[in-house]
N, C-alpha and C. Protein backbone atom coordinates (compact mmCIF):
# COMPACT_ATOMS: atom_id res chain seq x y z
N MET A 1 210.53 152.28 52.27
CA MET A 1 209.27 152.29 53.19
C MET A 1 208.65 150.94 53.08
N GLU A 2 208.35 150.40 54.13
CA GLU A 2 207.78 149.00 54.30
C GLU A 2 206.48 149.09 55.14
N ASN A 3 205.50 148.41 54.87
CA ASN A 3 204.32 148.28 55.71
C ASN A 3 204.32 147.08 56.60
N ILE A 4 204.13 147.18 57.86
CA ILE A 4 204.06 146.06 58.75
C ILE A 4 202.65 146.06 59.31
N TYR A 5 202.12 144.75 59.30
CA TYR A 5 200.68 144.59 59.81
C TYR A 5 200.77 143.69 61.07
N ASN A 6 199.96 144.10 62.10
CA ASN A 6 199.87 143.51 63.38
C ASN A 6 198.33 143.39 63.83
N ALA A 7 198.00 142.24 64.32
CA ALA A 7 196.64 141.97 64.89
C ALA A 7 196.63 141.22 66.15
N TYR A 8 195.83 141.75 67.00
CA TYR A 8 195.64 140.98 68.37
C TYR A 8 194.11 141.19 68.80
N THR A 9 193.85 140.51 69.86
CA THR A 9 192.49 140.53 70.46
C THR A 9 192.65 140.97 71.86
N ARG A 10 191.50 141.67 72.37
CA ARG A 10 191.25 141.84 73.69
C ARG A 10 189.94 141.80 74.15
N GLU A 11 189.64 141.38 75.31
CA GLU A 11 188.28 141.14 75.72
C GLU A 11 187.95 142.33 76.56
N ILE A 12 186.83 143.07 76.22
CA ILE A 12 186.40 144.35 76.87
C ILE A 12 184.87 144.08 77.08
N ASN A 13 184.55 144.22 78.48
CA ASN A 13 183.04 144.08 78.92
C ASN A 13 182.52 142.78 78.43
N GLY A 14 183.33 141.70 78.33
CA GLY A 14 182.87 140.32 77.90
C GLY A 14 182.78 140.29 76.47
N LYS A 15 183.25 141.16 75.59
CA LYS A 15 183.18 140.94 74.16
C LYS A 15 184.64 141.06 73.70
N THR A 16 184.86 140.24 72.70
CA THR A 16 186.08 140.10 72.02
C THR A 16 186.29 141.24 70.95
N PHE A 17 187.27 142.07 71.18
CA PHE A 17 187.51 143.16 70.21
C PHE A 17 188.81 142.75 69.35
N TYR A 18 188.87 142.96 68.09
CA TYR A 18 189.95 142.86 67.34
C TYR A 18 190.65 144.17 66.97
N PHE A 19 191.97 144.19 67.18
CA PHE A 19 192.77 145.34 66.89
C PHE A 19 193.62 144.96 65.74
N VAL A 20 193.59 145.87 64.69
CA VAL A 20 194.54 145.69 63.56
C VAL A 20 195.38 146.94 63.35
N LYS A 21 196.70 146.79 63.42
CA LYS A 21 197.52 147.89 63.24
C LYS A 21 198.25 147.91 61.90
N LYS A 22 198.41 149.00 61.28
CA LYS A 22 199.19 149.22 60.07
C LYS A 22 200.29 150.21 60.52
N LEU A 23 201.61 149.55 60.41
CA LEU A 23 202.84 150.31 60.68
C LEU A 23 203.58 150.60 59.52
N ILE A 24 204.25 151.70 59.50
CA ILE A 24 205.19 152.08 58.51
C ILE A 24 206.60 151.96 59.05
N PHE A 25 207.57 151.42 58.22
CA PHE A 25 208.86 151.16 58.68
C PHE A 25 209.78 151.66 57.49
N TYR A 26 210.78 152.43 57.90
CA TYR A 26 211.76 153.00 57.03
C TYR A 26 213.15 152.29 57.19
N PRO A 27 213.40 151.37 56.48
CA PRO A 27 214.70 150.56 56.69
C PRO A 27 215.92 151.40 56.47
N GLU A 28 215.86 152.56 55.70
CA GLU A 28 217.09 153.37 55.39
C GLU A 28 217.38 154.18 56.64
N VAL A 29 216.46 154.26 57.63
CA VAL A 29 216.86 155.11 58.76
C VAL A 29 217.31 154.08 59.83
N LYS A 30 218.57 154.37 60.26
CA LYS A 30 219.19 153.48 61.22
C LYS A 30 218.47 153.66 62.65
N ASP A 31 218.37 152.59 63.26
CA ASP A 31 217.72 152.49 64.71
C ASP A 31 216.38 153.26 64.48
N GLY A 32 215.61 153.07 63.58
CA GLY A 32 214.31 153.69 63.49
C GLY A 32 213.30 152.64 63.90
N SER A 33 212.21 153.15 64.52
CA SER A 33 211.13 152.23 65.01
C SER A 33 209.96 152.42 64.07
N PRO A 34 209.18 151.46 63.97
CA PRO A 34 207.82 151.58 63.15
C PRO A 34 207.11 152.73 63.65
N ILE A 35 206.36 153.22 62.72
CA ILE A 35 205.44 154.38 63.04
C ILE A 35 204.00 153.90 62.86
N LEU A 36 203.01 154.09 63.73
CA LEU A 36 201.75 153.73 63.59
C LEU A 36 201.07 154.57 62.60
N ASP A 37 200.63 153.97 61.54
CA ASP A 37 199.81 154.68 60.41
C ASP A 37 198.26 154.62 60.68
N ARG A 38 197.91 153.33 60.84
CA ARG A 38 196.31 153.16 60.94
C ARG A 38 196.14 152.12 62.04
N LEU A 39 195.02 152.33 62.73
CA LEU A 39 194.55 151.48 63.82
C LEU A 39 193.06 151.21 63.74
N GLY A 40 192.75 149.86 63.60
CA GLY A 40 191.30 149.54 63.50
C GLY A 40 190.97 148.66 64.63
N MET A 41 189.70 149.01 65.35
CA MET A 41 189.29 148.26 66.44
C MET A 41 187.86 147.96 66.27
N HIS A 42 187.35 146.70 66.27
CA HIS A 42 185.98 146.43 66.10
C HIS A 42 185.75 144.90 66.62
N THR A 43 184.45 144.70 66.91
CA THR A 43 184.11 143.26 67.21
C THR A 43 184.17 142.35 66.11
N ASN A 44 184.08 142.88 64.95
CA ASN A 44 184.16 142.14 63.67
C ASN A 44 185.58 142.26 63.11
N PHE A 45 186.31 141.08 62.68
CA PHE A 45 187.60 141.29 62.33
C PHE A 45 187.75 141.99 60.85
N HIS A 46 186.90 141.68 60.07
CA HIS A 46 186.87 142.34 58.75
C HIS A 46 186.72 143.88 58.77
N LYS A 47 185.70 144.19 59.71
CA LYS A 47 185.50 145.68 59.84
C LYS A 47 186.79 146.42 60.52
N ALA A 48 187.44 145.63 61.38
CA ALA A 48 188.67 146.27 62.02
C ALA A 48 189.73 146.41 60.86
N CYS A 49 189.71 145.45 59.93
CA CYS A 49 190.73 145.63 58.85
C CYS A 49 190.32 146.69 57.91
N HIS A 50 189.15 146.96 57.65
CA HIS A 50 188.61 147.92 56.94
C HIS A 50 188.89 149.25 57.51
N ILE A 51 188.73 149.41 58.77
CA ILE A 51 189.10 150.69 59.49
C ILE A 51 190.46 151.00 59.44
N ALA A 52 191.30 149.97 59.60
CA ALA A 52 192.84 150.11 59.41
C ALA A 52 193.23 150.23 58.08
N GLU A 53 192.40 150.27 57.02
CA GLU A 53 192.58 150.32 55.67
C GLU A 53 193.59 149.17 55.10
N VAL A 54 193.32 147.96 55.71
CA VAL A 54 194.18 146.84 55.21
C VAL A 54 193.11 146.16 54.22
N HIS A 55 193.44 146.25 52.93
CA HIS A 55 192.66 145.65 51.92
C HIS A 55 193.12 144.55 51.22
N ASP A 56 194.34 144.31 51.35
CA ASP A 56 195.05 143.19 50.69
C ASP A 56 194.59 141.83 51.22
N ASP A 57 194.05 140.96 50.37
CA ASP A 57 193.55 139.70 50.87
C ASP A 57 194.70 138.67 51.45
N GLN A 58 195.88 138.84 50.94
CA GLN A 58 196.97 137.92 51.44
C GLN A 58 197.18 138.37 52.78
N VAL A 59 197.28 139.73 53.17
CA VAL A 59 197.53 140.16 54.44
C VAL A 59 196.55 139.94 55.40
N VAL A 60 195.24 140.01 54.97
CA VAL A 60 194.08 139.73 55.90
C VAL A 60 194.09 138.18 56.15
N ASN A 61 194.39 137.39 55.31
CA ASN A 61 194.44 135.89 55.43
C ASN A 61 195.59 135.56 56.42
N ARG A 62 196.63 136.26 56.21
CA ARG A 62 197.94 135.92 57.15
C ARG A 62 197.54 136.39 58.57
N LEU A 63 196.82 137.59 58.73
CA LEU A 63 196.44 137.99 60.04
C LEU A 63 195.37 137.05 60.76
N MET A 64 194.61 136.61 59.86
CA MET A 64 193.50 135.58 60.27
C MET A 64 194.12 134.37 60.93
N ASN A 65 195.29 133.93 60.11
CA ASN A 65 195.83 132.60 60.47
C ASN A 65 196.58 132.89 61.83
N GLU A 66 197.20 134.03 62.00
CA GLU A 66 197.88 134.37 63.28
C GLU A 66 196.95 134.39 64.34
N LEU A 67 195.76 134.79 64.17
CA LEU A 67 194.82 134.90 65.41
C LEU A 67 194.06 133.63 65.48
N HIS A 68 194.26 132.65 64.58
CA HIS A 68 193.45 131.40 64.52
C HIS A 68 191.98 131.63 64.39
N ILE A 69 191.64 132.70 63.38
CA ILE A 69 190.24 132.81 63.13
C ILE A 69 189.86 131.84 61.95
N ILE A 70 188.75 131.24 62.10
CA ILE A 70 188.27 130.35 61.05
C ILE A 70 187.17 131.08 60.29
N THR A 71 187.12 131.16 58.92
CA THR A 71 186.02 131.85 58.35
C THR A 71 184.75 131.06 58.50
N GLU A 72 183.65 131.69 58.54
CA GLU A 72 182.29 131.02 58.71
C GLU A 72 182.00 130.48 57.32
N SER A 73 181.57 129.12 57.37
CA SER A 73 181.19 128.57 56.19
C SER A 73 179.73 129.16 55.91
N ALA A 74 179.40 128.90 54.59
CA ALA A 74 178.09 129.51 54.18
C ALA A 74 176.94 128.77 54.93
N ARG A 75 176.00 129.52 55.28
CA ARG A 75 174.86 129.16 56.01
C ARG A 75 173.90 128.45 55.09
N VAL A 76 173.30 127.45 55.39
CA VAL A 76 172.22 126.83 54.64
C VAL A 76 170.76 127.41 55.12
N ILE A 77 170.00 127.93 54.37
CA ILE A 77 168.82 128.50 54.84
C ILE A 77 167.70 127.53 54.17
N HIS A 78 167.06 126.89 55.02
CA HIS A 78 165.97 125.90 54.73
C HIS A 78 164.79 126.68 54.28
N LEU A 79 164.34 126.57 53.05
CA LEU A 79 163.15 127.17 52.47
C LEU A 79 161.81 126.13 52.67
N GLN A 80 160.66 126.70 52.82
CA GLN A 80 159.54 125.82 52.86
C GLN A 80 159.16 125.77 51.36
N LYS A 81 158.52 124.48 51.08
CA LYS A 81 158.03 124.31 49.79
C LYS A 81 157.03 125.28 49.36
N ALA A 82 157.31 125.85 48.22
CA ALA A 82 156.26 126.83 47.72
C ALA A 82 155.15 126.01 47.13
N LYS A 83 153.88 126.66 47.18
CA LYS A 83 152.69 126.05 46.59
C LYS A 83 152.77 126.06 45.08
N ALA A 84 152.33 124.93 44.55
CA ALA A 84 152.39 125.00 42.92
C ALA A 84 151.33 125.94 42.42
N VAL A 85 151.71 126.69 41.45
CA VAL A 85 150.68 127.44 40.85
C VAL A 85 149.76 126.83 39.91
N THR A 86 148.53 126.87 40.03
CA THR A 86 147.64 126.15 39.29
C THR A 86 146.98 127.04 38.30
N HIS A 87 146.87 126.66 37.14
CA HIS A 87 146.27 127.39 36.12
C HIS A 87 144.76 127.06 35.79
N SER A 88 144.29 126.19 36.57
CA SER A 88 142.92 125.66 36.54
C SER A 88 142.01 126.86 36.87
N LEU A 89 141.10 127.13 35.97
CA LEU A 89 140.11 128.20 36.16
C LEU A 89 139.09 127.77 37.16
N LEU A 90 138.69 126.53 37.34
CA LEU A 90 137.81 126.02 38.30
C LEU A 90 138.44 126.11 39.69
N LYS A 91 139.53 125.81 39.95
CA LYS A 91 140.23 125.85 41.16
C LYS A 91 140.45 127.39 41.58
N ASN A 92 140.84 128.29 40.69
CA ASN A 92 141.09 129.65 41.07
C ASN A 92 139.82 130.33 41.42
N THR A 93 138.80 129.96 40.64
CA THR A 93 137.42 130.45 40.89
C THR A 93 136.91 130.03 42.14
N GLN A 94 136.98 128.78 42.62
CA GLN A 94 136.64 128.39 43.81
C GLN A 94 137.42 128.94 45.00
N HIS A 95 138.56 129.18 44.82
CA HIS A 95 139.51 129.79 45.76
C HIS A 95 139.00 131.23 45.97
N ALA A 96 138.84 131.97 44.87
CA ALA A 96 138.33 133.36 45.06
C ALA A 96 137.11 133.51 45.71
N LEU A 97 136.06 132.52 45.32
CA LEU A 97 134.80 132.66 46.02
C LEU A 97 134.82 132.32 47.54
N LEU A 98 135.80 131.47 47.84
CA LEU A 98 135.99 131.07 49.24
C LEU A 98 136.64 132.28 49.97
N LYS A 99 137.45 132.92 49.51
CA LYS A 99 137.99 134.20 50.15
C LYS A 99 136.93 135.26 50.37
N LEU A 100 136.05 135.42 49.22
CA LEU A 100 134.98 136.42 49.34
C LEU A 100 133.91 136.00 50.50
N LYS A 101 133.68 134.74 50.50
CA LYS A 101 132.81 134.25 51.54
C LYS A 101 133.42 134.39 52.96
N LEU A 102 134.70 134.18 53.12
CA LEU A 102 135.29 134.49 54.49
C LEU A 102 135.40 135.78 54.84
N ALA A 103 135.59 136.72 53.73
CA ALA A 103 135.73 138.06 54.06
C ALA A 103 134.31 138.71 54.36
N SER A 104 133.25 138.12 53.89
CA SER A 104 131.84 138.65 54.24
C SER A 104 131.48 138.33 55.65
N PHE A 105 132.02 137.30 56.22
CA PHE A 105 131.78 136.97 57.66
C PHE A 105 132.49 137.92 58.62
N SER A 106 133.56 138.54 58.22
CA SER A 106 134.31 139.47 59.14
C SER A 106 133.65 140.71 59.32
């Protein structure tokens, strides 16, 4: 028994869907054709592989190469500078009093 994996894309209603097939082939049976074991369909390639129960990384990478899918590089998220924590009693007291003063106006 051998597993054969196949992947292709189709555009449905303007969205690209990935189809991943897992086929079983019995070489000992003469003139036998592959039997469909699992089929995964999703807009996300990795989810389609998960639905088709294709978990081997080498197979997933081979299918991605066949479809010319380039993995997304890591996104860089820019963070704003955090305010420095002050341990000054005078600044913290002034800040607390300012908040109380502003709260009393509301």
